[in-house]
Amino acid sequence: MIRGWTAVIVFTTLAVVMMIGVNVRMWRRMKATTAAAKAEAARHEVEAAPSEESTDLRSA
């Protein structure tokens, strides 16, 4: 009977380790995707911002 419980503990431990590994991998992917999206949004914000020359009313 001890061999049966040993197998249960081993398989449960392996399942927990695999679930943690999958969660860590997903978290890292989400973190990288979020960082890339923020960088792209910042780049678009800089490109879309009007330059100082176009908002200067003295030249009108």
N, C-alpha and C. Protein backbone atom coordinates (compact mmCIF):
# COMPACT_ATOMS: atom_id res chain seq x y z
N MET A 1 0.82 -1.20 0.00
CA MET A 1 0.00 0.00 0.00
C MET A 1 0.86 1.26 0.00
N ILE A 2 2.03 1.17 0.56
CA ILE A 2 2.92 2.34 0.60
C ILE A 2 3.35 2.71 -0.82
N ARG A 3 3.57 1.73 -1.68
CA ARG A 3 3.96 2.03 -3.06
C ARG A 3 2.87 2.81 -3.77
N GLY A 4 1.63 2.50 -3.50
CA GLY A 4 0.53 3.22 -4.11
C GLY A 4 0.51 4.68 -3.69
N TRP A 5 0.71 4.93 -2.40
CA TRP A 5 0.74 6.32 -1.91
C TRP A 5 1.95 7.05 -2.44
N THR A 6 3.07 6.36 -2.57
CA THR A 6 4.27 6.99 -3.14
C THR A 6 4.00 7.43 -4.57
N ALA A 7 3.33 6.59 -5.33
CA ALA A 7 3.01 6.95 -6.71
C ALA A 7 2.06 8.16 -6.76
N VAL A 8 1.09 8.18 -5.86
CA VAL A 8 0.15 9.31 -5.82
C VAL A 8 0.91 10.60 -5.50
N ILE A 9 1.80 10.56 -4.55
CA ILE A 9 2.56 11.75 -4.18
C ILE A 9 3.47 12.19 -5.32
N VAL A 10 4.13 11.24 -5.97
CA VAL A 10 5.02 11.58 -7.08
C VAL A 10 4.23 12.20 -8.22
N PHE A 11 3.14 11.60 -8.62
CA PHE A 11 2.36 12.13 -9.74
C PHE A 11 1.73 13.48 -9.40
N THR A 12 1.27 13.63 -8.16
CA THR A 12 0.70 14.91 -7.75
C THR A 12 1.77 16.00 -7.77
N THR A 13 2.97 15.68 -7.28
CA THR A 13 4.07 16.65 -7.29
C THR A 13 4.44 17.04 -8.72
N LEU A 14 4.50 16.06 -9.61
CA LEU A 14 4.82 16.37 -11.01
C LEU A 14 3.74 17.24 -11.64
N ALA A 15 2.48 16.97 -11.34
CA ALA A 15 1.39 17.78 -11.89
C ALA A 15 1.47 19.21 -11.38
N VAL A 16 1.76 19.39 -10.10
CA VAL A 16 1.88 20.73 -9.53
C VAL A 16 3.05 21.47 -10.16
N VAL A 17 4.18 20.81 -10.32
CA VAL A 17 5.35 21.44 -10.93
C VAL A 17 5.04 21.85 -12.37
N MET A 18 4.35 20.99 -13.11
CA MET A 18 3.99 21.33 -14.49
C MET A 18 3.03 22.51 -14.54
N MET A 19 2.05 22.55 -13.64
CA MET A 19 1.10 23.68 -13.61
C MET A 19 1.82 24.98 -13.29
N ILE A 20 2.75 24.94 -12.35
CA ILE A 20 3.52 26.14 -12.01
C ILE A 20 4.35 26.58 -13.21
N GLY A 21 4.96 25.63 -13.91
CA GLY A 21 5.75 25.96 -15.09
C GLY A 21 4.91 26.61 -16.17
N VAL A 22 3.72 26.09 -16.40
CA VAL A 22 2.83 26.66 -17.42
C VAL A 22 2.40 28.07 -17.01
N ASN A 23 2.06 28.24 -15.74
CA ASN A 23 1.64 29.56 -15.27
C ASN A 23 2.77 30.58 -15.38
N VAL A 24 3.98 30.19 -15.05
CA VAL A 24 5.13 31.10 -15.15
C VAL A 24 5.37 31.48 -16.61
N ARG A 25 5.28 30.50 -17.50
CA ARG A 25 5.49 30.78 -18.92
C ARG A 25 4.42 31.74 -19.44
N MET A 26 3.16 31.52 -19.04
CA MET A 26 2.08 32.41 -19.48
C MET A 26 2.27 33.81 -18.91
N TRP A 27 2.70 33.92 -17.65
CA TRP A 27 2.91 35.22 -17.03
C TRP A 27 4.02 35.97 -17.75
N ARG A 28 5.10 35.27 -18.10
CA ARG A 28 6.20 35.93 -18.82
C ARG A 28 5.75 36.40 -20.20
N ARG A 29 4.93 35.58 -20.88
CA ARG A 29 4.41 36.00 -22.19
C ARG A 29 3.54 37.23 -22.07
N MET A 30 2.67 37.24 -21.08
CA MET A 30 1.78 38.39 -20.88
C MET A 30 2.59 39.64 -20.55
N LYS A 31 3.62 39.47 -19.74
CA LYS A 31 4.47 40.60 -19.36
C LYS A 31 5.18 41.17 -20.59
N ALA A 32 5.72 40.30 -21.44
CA ALA A 32 6.40 40.74 -22.65
C ALA A 32 5.42 41.41 -23.62
N THR A 33 4.23 40.84 -23.75
CA THR A 33 3.23 41.40 -24.65
C THR A 33 2.78 42.78 -24.16
N THR A 34 2.58 42.91 -22.87
CA THR A 34 2.18 44.19 -22.31
C THR A 34 3.27 45.24 -22.52
N ALA A 35 4.52 44.86 -22.30
CA ALA A 35 5.62 45.80 -22.49
C ALA A 35 5.71 46.23 -23.95
N ALA A 36 5.54 45.29 -24.87
CA ALA A 36 5.59 45.62 -26.30
C ALA A 36 4.44 46.54 -26.69
N ALA A 37 3.26 46.28 -26.15
CA ALA A 37 2.10 47.12 -26.46
C ALA A 37 2.29 48.53 -25.90
N LYS A 38 2.85 48.64 -24.70
CA LYS A 38 3.09 49.97 -24.13
C LYS A 38 4.13 50.72 -24.94
N ALA A 39 5.18 50.04 -25.38
CA ALA A 39 6.21 50.69 -26.19
C ALA A 39 5.63 51.16 -27.53
N GLU A 40 4.79 50.33 -28.13
CA GLU A 40 4.17 50.72 -29.40
C GLU A 40 3.22 51.90 -29.21
N ALA A 41 2.46 51.90 -28.13
CA ALA A 41 1.56 53.01 -27.86
C ALA A 41 2.34 54.30 -27.63
N ALA A 42 3.45 54.20 -26.91
CA ALA A 42 4.27 55.38 -26.68
C ALA A 42 4.86 55.89 -27.99
N ARG A 43 5.26 54.97 -28.86
CA ARG A 43 5.83 55.36 -30.14
C ARG A 43 4.77 56.06 -30.99
N HIS A 44 3.55 55.53 -31.00
CA HIS A 44 2.48 56.15 -31.76
C HIS A 44 2.10 57.51 -31.18
N GLU A 45 2.17 57.61 -29.85
CA GLU A 45 1.85 58.88 -29.20
C GLU A 45 2.86 59.96 -29.60
N VAL A 46 4.13 59.58 -29.68
CA VAL A 46 5.16 60.54 -30.07
C VAL A 46 4.97 60.95 -31.53
N GLU A 47 4.64 59.98 -32.38
CA GLU A 47 4.45 60.27 -33.80
C GLU A 47 3.21 61.14 -34.03
N ALA A 48 2.18 60.94 -33.24
CA ALA A 48 0.92 61.66 -33.44
C ALA A 48 0.93 63.05 -32.80
N ALA A 49 1.87 63.30 -31.91
CA ALA A 49 1.92 64.59 -31.23
C ALA A 49 2.29 65.68 -32.23
N PRO A 50 1.58 66.79 -32.21
CA PRO A 50 1.91 67.87 -33.15
C PRO A 50 3.24 68.51 -32.77
N SER A 51 3.97 68.93 -33.75
CA SER A 51 5.25 69.56 -33.47
C SER A 51 5.02 70.98 -32.96
N GLU A 52 6.03 71.55 -32.34
CA GLU A 52 5.89 72.88 -31.76
C GLU A 52 5.69 73.94 -32.85
N GLU A 53 6.28 73.73 -34.01
CA GLU A 53 6.17 74.70 -35.08
C GLU A 53 4.74 74.82 -35.59
N SER A 54 4.02 73.71 -35.66
CA SER A 54 2.66 73.76 -36.18
C SER A 54 1.68 74.40 -35.19
N THR A 55 2.02 74.43 -33.91
CA THR A 55 1.12 75.03 -32.93
C THR A 55 1.53 76.45 -32.59
N ASP A 56 2.58 76.94 -33.19
CA ASP A 56 3.05 78.30 -32.92
C ASP A 56 2.14 79.30 -33.64
N LEU A 57 1.42 80.12 -32.88
CA LEU A 57 0.47 81.05 -33.48
C LEU A 57 1.15 82.32 -34.00
N ARG A 58 2.39 82.55 -33.60
CA ARG A 58 3.08 83.76 -34.07
C ARG A 58 3.38 83.71 -35.56
N SER A 59 3.50 82.50 -36.11
CA SER A 59 3.82 82.39 -37.52
C SER A 59 2.59 82.58 -38.41
N ALA A 60 1.41 82.67 -37.83
CA ALA A 60 0.18 82.77 -38.61
C ALA A 60 -0.06 84.17 -39.10
